[in-house]
Amino acid sequence: MPEPLPNAHVRAEVLVQALPHMQRYDQEIVVIKYGGHAMGDREAAENFAEDIVLLEQSGVKPIVVHGGGPQIGRMLDKLGIKSTFEGGLRVTDEATVEVVEMVLAGSINKQIVGWIGAEGGRAVGLTGKDGMMVRAKKAARTVVDPDSKLPREIDLGLVGDPETVDRSVLDAVLKSELIPVLAPLATGPDGQTYNVNADTFAGAIAGAMGAKRLLLLTDVPGVLDKDKKLLPELSIEQCRGLIADGTITAGMIPKIETCIYALERGVEAVVILDGKVPHSVLLELFTDFGAGTLIRR
């Protein structure tokens, strides 16, 4: 895979290569999951917002789903609330879910909306709770105990898995030529707020919306082999094999599960890419310079 272009040359290269790619994505929905570590500094955030605005102006219909793990972790530390992880997911009790909602739906969501607005776009911030867009059920996970090597069920508390997605709210937002920016919170059957893994949430949205592409921006180059080398392209079968043999572990497992879920619901392809690479979204969609691991059926 070619190395990503230096930032100073990205926009010129995009303009040269973009036209044939733009036609491919014209009026197509692209869901972009913007990861917590990829939101590390202001310049990176502005680059991301610029990419999203350019996509919308080029005829693409972007939907942004954002995470916020590091920001949530810092706020929990400030408040003296202990936080643990199981199977790559944050165990969420009542106190934690209040902080999660405050950080995700409050500061992070509105920051991203503001950054997009500063670049000339029109965005609207929402959560899965708005308009009952995403209904969730309590997540159930099984991990392999490192000592006994036997599977055991884990209780993640108020962590949810998307059960249904009502696309009517997003359809209305897109019809109004607005860019949806979604925080991964959802409502359970009893009205309980659930913290949903942002990758899982993005996959559910992409599947329900019939997205052309799902891009998962994170803080690593993509899926790595056991020698830490990038795997540029994988199939669903290969992904499952890499999980089974222990190559894919921890937080990458929910990402791969999301990829498989989205592909099985009709998304054409999913890409896991490094959100810290300047203009990685444009490089992936509008040039021949792939920016991560492409996963297809």
Protein backbone atom coordinates (compact mmCIF):
# COMPACT_ATOMS: atom_id res chain seq x y z
CA MET A 1 0.00 0.00 0.00
CA PRO A 2 1.41 3.46 -0.88
CA GLU A 3 2.41 5.70 1.98
CA PRO A 4 -0.08 8.50 2.79
CA LEU A 5 0.84 11.79 1.19
CA PRO A 6 2.37 14.60 3.27
CA ASN A 7 -0.26 17.03 4.51
CA ALA A 8 0.99 19.90 2.33
CA HIS A 9 0.26 17.93 -0.82
CA VAL A 10 -2.98 16.21 0.18
CA ARG A 11 -5.46 18.75 -1.15
CA ALA A 12 -3.73 19.12 -4.54
CA GLU A 13 -3.52 15.36 -4.97
CA VAL A 14 -7.15 14.96 -3.96
CA LEU A 15 -8.24 17.48 -6.57
CA VAL A 16 -6.32 15.62 -9.29
CA GLN A 17 -7.68 12.19 -8.40
CA ALA A 18 -11.08 13.03 -6.97
CA LEU A 19 -13.38 13.40 -9.97
CA PRO A 20 -13.80 9.72 -10.94
CA HIS A 21 -14.13 8.77 -7.27
CA MET A 22 -16.69 11.51 -6.58
CA GLN A 23 -19.02 10.05 -9.20
CA ARG A 24 -18.83 6.69 -7.46
CA TYR A 25 -20.03 8.17 -4.17
CA ASP A 26 -22.48 10.75 -5.52
CA GLN A 27 -25.62 10.79 -3.33
CA GLU A 28 -24.33 7.75 -1.42
CA ILE A 29 -24.32 7.59 2.37
CA VAL A 30 -20.92 7.25 4.05
CA VAL A 31 -20.83 6.68 7.81
CA ILE A 32 -17.65 7.87 9.52
CA LYS A 33 -16.86 6.84 13.08
CA TYR A 34 -14.57 9.45 14.61
CA GLY A 35 -12.59 7.90 17.44
CA GLY A 36 -11.64 9.41 20.76
CA HIS A 37 -7.87 9.25 20.21
CA ALA A 38 -8.27 10.59 16.67
CA MET A 39 -9.74 13.74 18.22
CA GLY A 40 -6.45 14.45 19.95
CA ASP A 41 -5.70 18.01 18.88
CA ARG A 42 -7.33 21.05 17.33
CA GLU A 43 -5.51 20.88 13.99
CA ALA A 44 -6.55 17.24 13.49
CA ALA A 45 -10.15 18.14 14.39
CA GLU A 46 -10.16 20.99 11.89
CA ASN A 47 -8.75 18.71 9.17
CA PHE A 48 -11.48 16.17 9.90
CA ALA A 49 -14.22 18.82 9.81
CA GLU A 50 -12.83 20.14 6.52
CA ASP A 51 -12.97 16.62 5.06
CA ILE A 52 -16.59 16.15 6.15
CA VAL A 53 -17.66 19.48 4.63
CA LEU A 54 -15.89 18.67 1.37
CA LEU A 55 -17.62 15.29 1.23
CA GLU A 56 -21.03 16.93 1.64
CA GLN A 57 -20.24 19.59 -0.96
CA SER A 58 -19.13 16.84 -3.36
CA GLY A 59 -22.51 15.10 -3.27
CA VAL A 60 -21.71 12.53 -0.58
CA LYS A 61 -24.10 12.19 2.38
CA PRO A 62 -21.83 11.88 5.42
CA ILE A 63 -23.06 10.72 8.83
CA VAL A 64 -20.59 11.19 11.67
CA VAL A 65 -20.64 8.92 14.73
CA HIS A 66 -18.15 9.95 17.40
CA GLY A 67 -16.57 8.25 20.34
CA GLY A 68 -14.91 9.84 23.34
CA GLY A 69 -13.26 7.16 25.45
CA PRO A 70 -10.19 9.17 26.52
CA GLN A 71 -12.31 12.23 27.33
CA ILE A 72 -14.72 10.10 29.37
CA GLY A 73 -11.80 8.51 31.18
CA ARG A 74 -10.34 11.89 32.13
CA MET A 75 -13.68 13.14 33.44
CA LEU A 76 -14.22 9.96 35.48
CA ASP A 77 -10.76 10.41 37.00
CA LYS A 78 -11.55 14.02 37.91
CA LEU A 79 -14.73 12.91 39.64
CA GLY A 80 -13.03 10.02 41.42
CA ILE A 81 -15.18 7.37 39.70
CA LYS A 82 -13.33 4.11 39.13
CA SER A 83 -13.67 2.68 35.63
CA THR A 84 -12.76 -0.81 34.39
CA PHE A 85 -12.81 -2.60 31.04
CA GLU A 86 -13.86 -6.11 30.10
CA GLY A 87 -13.48 -7.51 26.61
CA GLY A 88 -12.42 -4.11 25.30
CA LEU A 89 -15.58 -2.37 26.58
CA ARG A 90 -16.05 0.01 29.51
CA VAL A 91 -18.08 -1.45 32.38
CA THR A 92 -20.80 1.17 32.95
CA ASP A 93 -22.75 1.66 36.18
CA GLU A 94 -25.33 4.37 36.97
CA ALA A 95 -22.72 6.94 37.98
CA THR A 96 -20.59 6.21 34.92
CA VAL A 97 -23.44 6.42 32.41
CA GLU A 98 -24.29 9.92 33.66
CA VAL A 99 -20.72 11.02 32.97
CA VAL A 100 -20.72 9.26 29.60
CA GLU A 101 -23.87 11.11 28.54
CA MET A 102 -22.54 14.44 29.79
CA VAL A 103 -19.27 14.11 27.89
CA LEU A 104 -20.58 12.53 24.68
CA ALA A 105 -23.86 14.37 24.18
CA GLY A 106 -22.57 17.57 25.70
CA SER A 107 -19.03 18.76 25.12
CA ILE A 108 -17.76 16.41 22.39
CA ASN A 109 -20.87 16.38 20.21
CA LYS A 110 -21.22 20.14 20.21
CA GLN A 111 -17.51 20.66 19.60
CA ILE A 112 -17.68 18.59 16.42
CA VAL A 113 -20.81 20.43 15.28
CA GLY A 114 -18.94 23.69 15.88
CA TRP A 115 -15.84 22.56 13.98
CA ILE A 116 -17.93 21.57 10.96
CA GLY A 117 -19.72 24.92 11.12
CA ALA A 118 -16.41 26.76 11.21
CA GLU A 119 -15.44 25.04 7.94
CA GLY A 120 -18.65 26.15 6.23
CA GLY A 121 -20.83 23.10 6.86
CA ARG A 122 -24.22 22.80 8.53
CA ALA A 123 -24.32 20.02 11.12
CA VAL A 124 -26.83 18.95 13.74
CA GLY A 125 -25.87 17.07 16.90
CA LEU A 126 -28.00 14.13 18.01
CA THR A 127 -27.86 10.97 20.10
CA GLY A 128 -29.51 7.64 19.48
CA LYS A 129 -32.07 8.66 22.10
CA ASP A 130 -33.41 11.53 19.96
CA GLY A 131 -36.61 10.55 18.18
CA MET A 132 -36.06 7.03 19.57
CA MET A 133 -33.59 6.60 16.73
CA VAL A 134 -31.72 3.68 18.30
CA ARG A 135 -33.29 1.22 20.73
CA ALA A 136 -30.84 -0.92 22.67
CA LYS A 137 -30.78 -4.05 24.78
CA LYS A 138 -28.31 -4.89 27.53
CA ALA A 139 -25.10 -6.16 26.01
CA ALA A 140 -24.06 -9.75 26.63
CA ARG A 141 -20.41 -10.70 26.18
CA THR A 142 -18.28 -13.77 26.75
CA VAL A 143 -14.50 -13.72 27.18
CA VAL A 144 -11.95 -16.48 27.57
CA ASP A 145 -10.47 -16.63 31.07
CA PRO A 146 -6.67 -16.38 30.73
CA ASP A 147 -6.06 -18.88 33.53
CA SER A 148 -8.65 -21.59 32.93
CA LYS A 149 -8.89 -20.95 29.16
CA LEU A 150 -12.64 -21.42 29.56
CA PRO A 151 -15.29 -18.94 28.38
CA ARG A 152 -17.04 -16.84 31.00
CA GLU A 153 -19.86 -14.33 30.76
CA ILE A 154 -19.14 -10.76 31.83
CA ASP A 155 -21.55 -8.15 33.15
CA LEU A 156 -20.91 -4.79 31.47
CA GLY A 157 -23.65 -2.98 33.38
CA LEU A 158 -25.40 -0.28 31.34
CA VAL A 159 -23.64 -1.10 28.09
CA GLY A 160 -26.10 -1.72 25.29
CA ASP A 161 -26.19 -3.29 21.86
CA PRO A 162 -28.36 -1.65 19.18
CA GLU A 163 -31.52 -3.67 18.67
CA THR A 164 -33.45 -1.49 16.22
CA VAL A 165 -32.67 1.66 14.25
CA ASP A 166 -35.44 3.99 13.08
CA ARG A 167 -33.92 5.82 10.13
CA SER A 168 -36.71 8.40 9.77
CA VAL A 169 -34.89 11.05 11.81
CA LEU A 170 -31.69 10.66 9.82
CA ASP A 171 -33.59 10.65 6.53
CA ALA A 172 -35.19 13.96 7.49
CA VAL A 173 -31.86 15.47 8.51
CA LEU A 174 -30.14 14.38 5.29
CA LYS A 175 -33.06 15.62 3.19
CA SER A 176 -32.54 19.04 4.77
CA GLU A 177 -28.90 18.94 3.60
CA LEU A 178 -27.61 18.85 7.16
CA ILE A 179 -24.76 16.68 8.42
CA PRO A 180 -25.81 14.41 11.32
CA VAL A 181 -23.30 14.13 14.16
CA LEU A 182 -24.31 11.26 16.45
CA ALA A 183 -23.29 10.44 20.02
CA PRO A 184 -23.53 6.67 20.72
CA LEU A 185 -26.21 6.65 23.39
CA ALA A 186 -29.44 4.68 23.10
CA THR A 187 -32.65 4.00 25.00
CA GLY A 188 -33.66 0.65 26.43
CA PRO A 189 -37.20 -0.75 26.61
CA ASP A 190 -37.68 0.74 30.09
CA GLY A 191 -36.32 4.16 29.12
CA GLN A 192 -32.89 3.42 30.60
CA THR A 193 -29.95 5.13 28.91
CA TYR A 194 -27.35 2.74 27.52
CA ASN A 195 -23.74 3.45 26.67
CA VAL A 196 -23.12 1.90 23.26
CA ASN A 197 -19.66 1.22 21.87
CA ALA A 198 -19.17 3.85 19.15
CA ASP A 199 -17.96 1.31 16.60
CA THR A 200 -20.98 -0.91 17.25
CA PHE A 201 -23.29 2.10 17.04
CA ALA A 202 -21.74 3.22 13.74
CA GLY A 203 -22.12 -0.26 12.29
CA ALA A 204 -25.80 -0.36 13.20
CA ILE A 205 -26.37 3.06 11.63
CA ALA A 206 -24.46 2.10 8.48
CA GLY A 207 -26.44 -1.12 8.10
CA ALA A 208 -29.81 0.55 8.64
CA MET A 209 -29.00 3.40 6.25
CA GLY A 210 -27.62 1.17 3.50
CA ALA A 211 -24.30 3.01 3.55
CA LYS A 212 -21.86 2.68 0.69
CA ARG A 213 -18.94 2.81 3.09
CA LEU A 214 -18.32 2.64 6.82
CA LEU A 215 -15.05 4.26 7.89
CA LEU A 216 -13.76 3.55 11.40
CA LEU A 217 -11.20 6.21 12.32
CA THR A 218 -9.01 5.13 15.20
CA ASP A 219 -5.48 5.66 16.53
CA VAL A 220 -3.78 2.76 14.74
CA PRO A 221 -2.96 2.31 11.02
CA GLY A 222 -5.52 -0.49 10.65
CA VAL A 223 -5.52 -4.22 11.38
CA LEU A 224 -2.01 -5.46 12.12
CA ASP A 225 -0.58 -8.97 11.84
CA LYS A 226 1.45 -10.60 14.61
CA ASP A 227 4.57 -8.78 13.36
CA LYS A 228 2.71 -5.46 13.68
CA LYS A 229 2.57 -5.00 9.90
CA LEU A 230 -0.54 -3.51 8.29
CA LEU A 231 -2.95 -5.91 6.59
CA PRO A 232 -4.29 -3.82 3.67
CA GLU A 233 -7.31 -5.99 2.83
CA LEU A 234 -9.28 -8.74 4.57
CA SER A 235 -12.39 -10.84 4.07
CA ILE A 236 -14.94 -11.69 6.76
CA GLU A 237 -13.56 -15.22 6.93
CA GLN A 238 -10.01 -13.95 7.40
CA CYS A 239 -11.16 -11.57 10.14
CA ARG A 240 -12.78 -14.39 12.07
CA GLY A 241 -9.62 -16.45 11.74
CA LEU A 242 -7.46 -13.62 13.12
CA ILE A 243 -9.73 -13.31 16.15
CA ALA A 244 -9.64 -17.08 16.72
CA ASP A 245 -5.83 -17.28 16.58
CA GLY A 246 -5.34 -14.29 18.89
CA THR A 247 -3.92 -11.87 16.29
CA ILE A 248 -6.86 -9.52 16.82
CA THR A 249 -7.38 -8.76 20.51
CA ALA A 250 -8.85 -6.28 23.02
CA GLY A 251 -10.45 -3.15 21.58
CA MET A 252 -9.92 -4.25 17.98
CA ILE A 253 -12.36 -7.14 18.48
CA PRO A 254 -15.49 -4.91 18.74
CA LYS A 255 -14.28 -3.05 15.64
CA ILE A 256 -14.00 -6.24 13.61
CA GLU A 257 -17.34 -7.50 14.92
CA THR A 258 -18.85 -4.21 13.78
CA CYS A 259 -17.29 -4.60 10.34
CA ILE A 260 -18.79 -8.07 9.95
CA TYR A 261 -22.20 -6.90 11.22
CA ALA A 262 -22.28 -3.99 8.76
CA LEU A 263 -21.13 -6.06 5.79
CA GLU A 264 -23.73 -8.74 6.47
CA ARG A 265 -26.40 -6.01 6.37
CA GLY A 266 -25.43 -4.73 2.96
CA VAL A 267 -22.67 -2.18 3.50
CA GLU A 268 -20.37 -2.54 0.50
CA ALA A 269 -17.08 -2.26 2.40
CA VAL A 270 -15.65 -1.12 5.71
CA VAL A 271 -12.29 0.54 6.30
CA ILE A 272 -10.37 0.76 9.58
CA LEU A 273 -7.91 3.65 9.26
CA ASP A 274 -5.70 5.97 11.26
CA GLY A 275 -7.61 9.13 12.10
CA LYS A 276 -4.37 10.90 13.00
CA VAL A 277 -3.23 10.88 9.34
CA PRO A 278 -4.16 14.32 7.95
CA HIS A 279 -7.18 14.14 5.62
CA SER A 280 -7.32 10.34 5.88
CA VAL A 281 -11.03 10.36 4.95
CA LEU A 282 -10.33 12.12 1.64
CA LEU A 283 -7.33 9.92 0.94
CA GLU A 284 -9.44 6.81 1.42
CA LEU A 285 -12.50 7.86 -0.60
CA PHE A 286 -11.18 10.20 -3.27
CA THR A 287 -7.66 8.97 -4.12
CA ASP A 288 -5.87 5.73 -4.92
CA PHE A 289 -3.84 6.06 -1.71
CA GLY A 290 -5.58 3.68 0.67
CA ALA A 291 -5.30 4.73 4.28
CA GLY A 292 -5.98 1.58 6.28
CA THR A 293 -7.43 -1.96 6.19
CA LEU A 294 -10.27 -2.54 3.72
CA ILE A 295 -12.69 -5.29 4.73
CA ARG A 296 -15.14 -6.84 2.26
CA ARG A 297 -17.44 -9.81 2.25
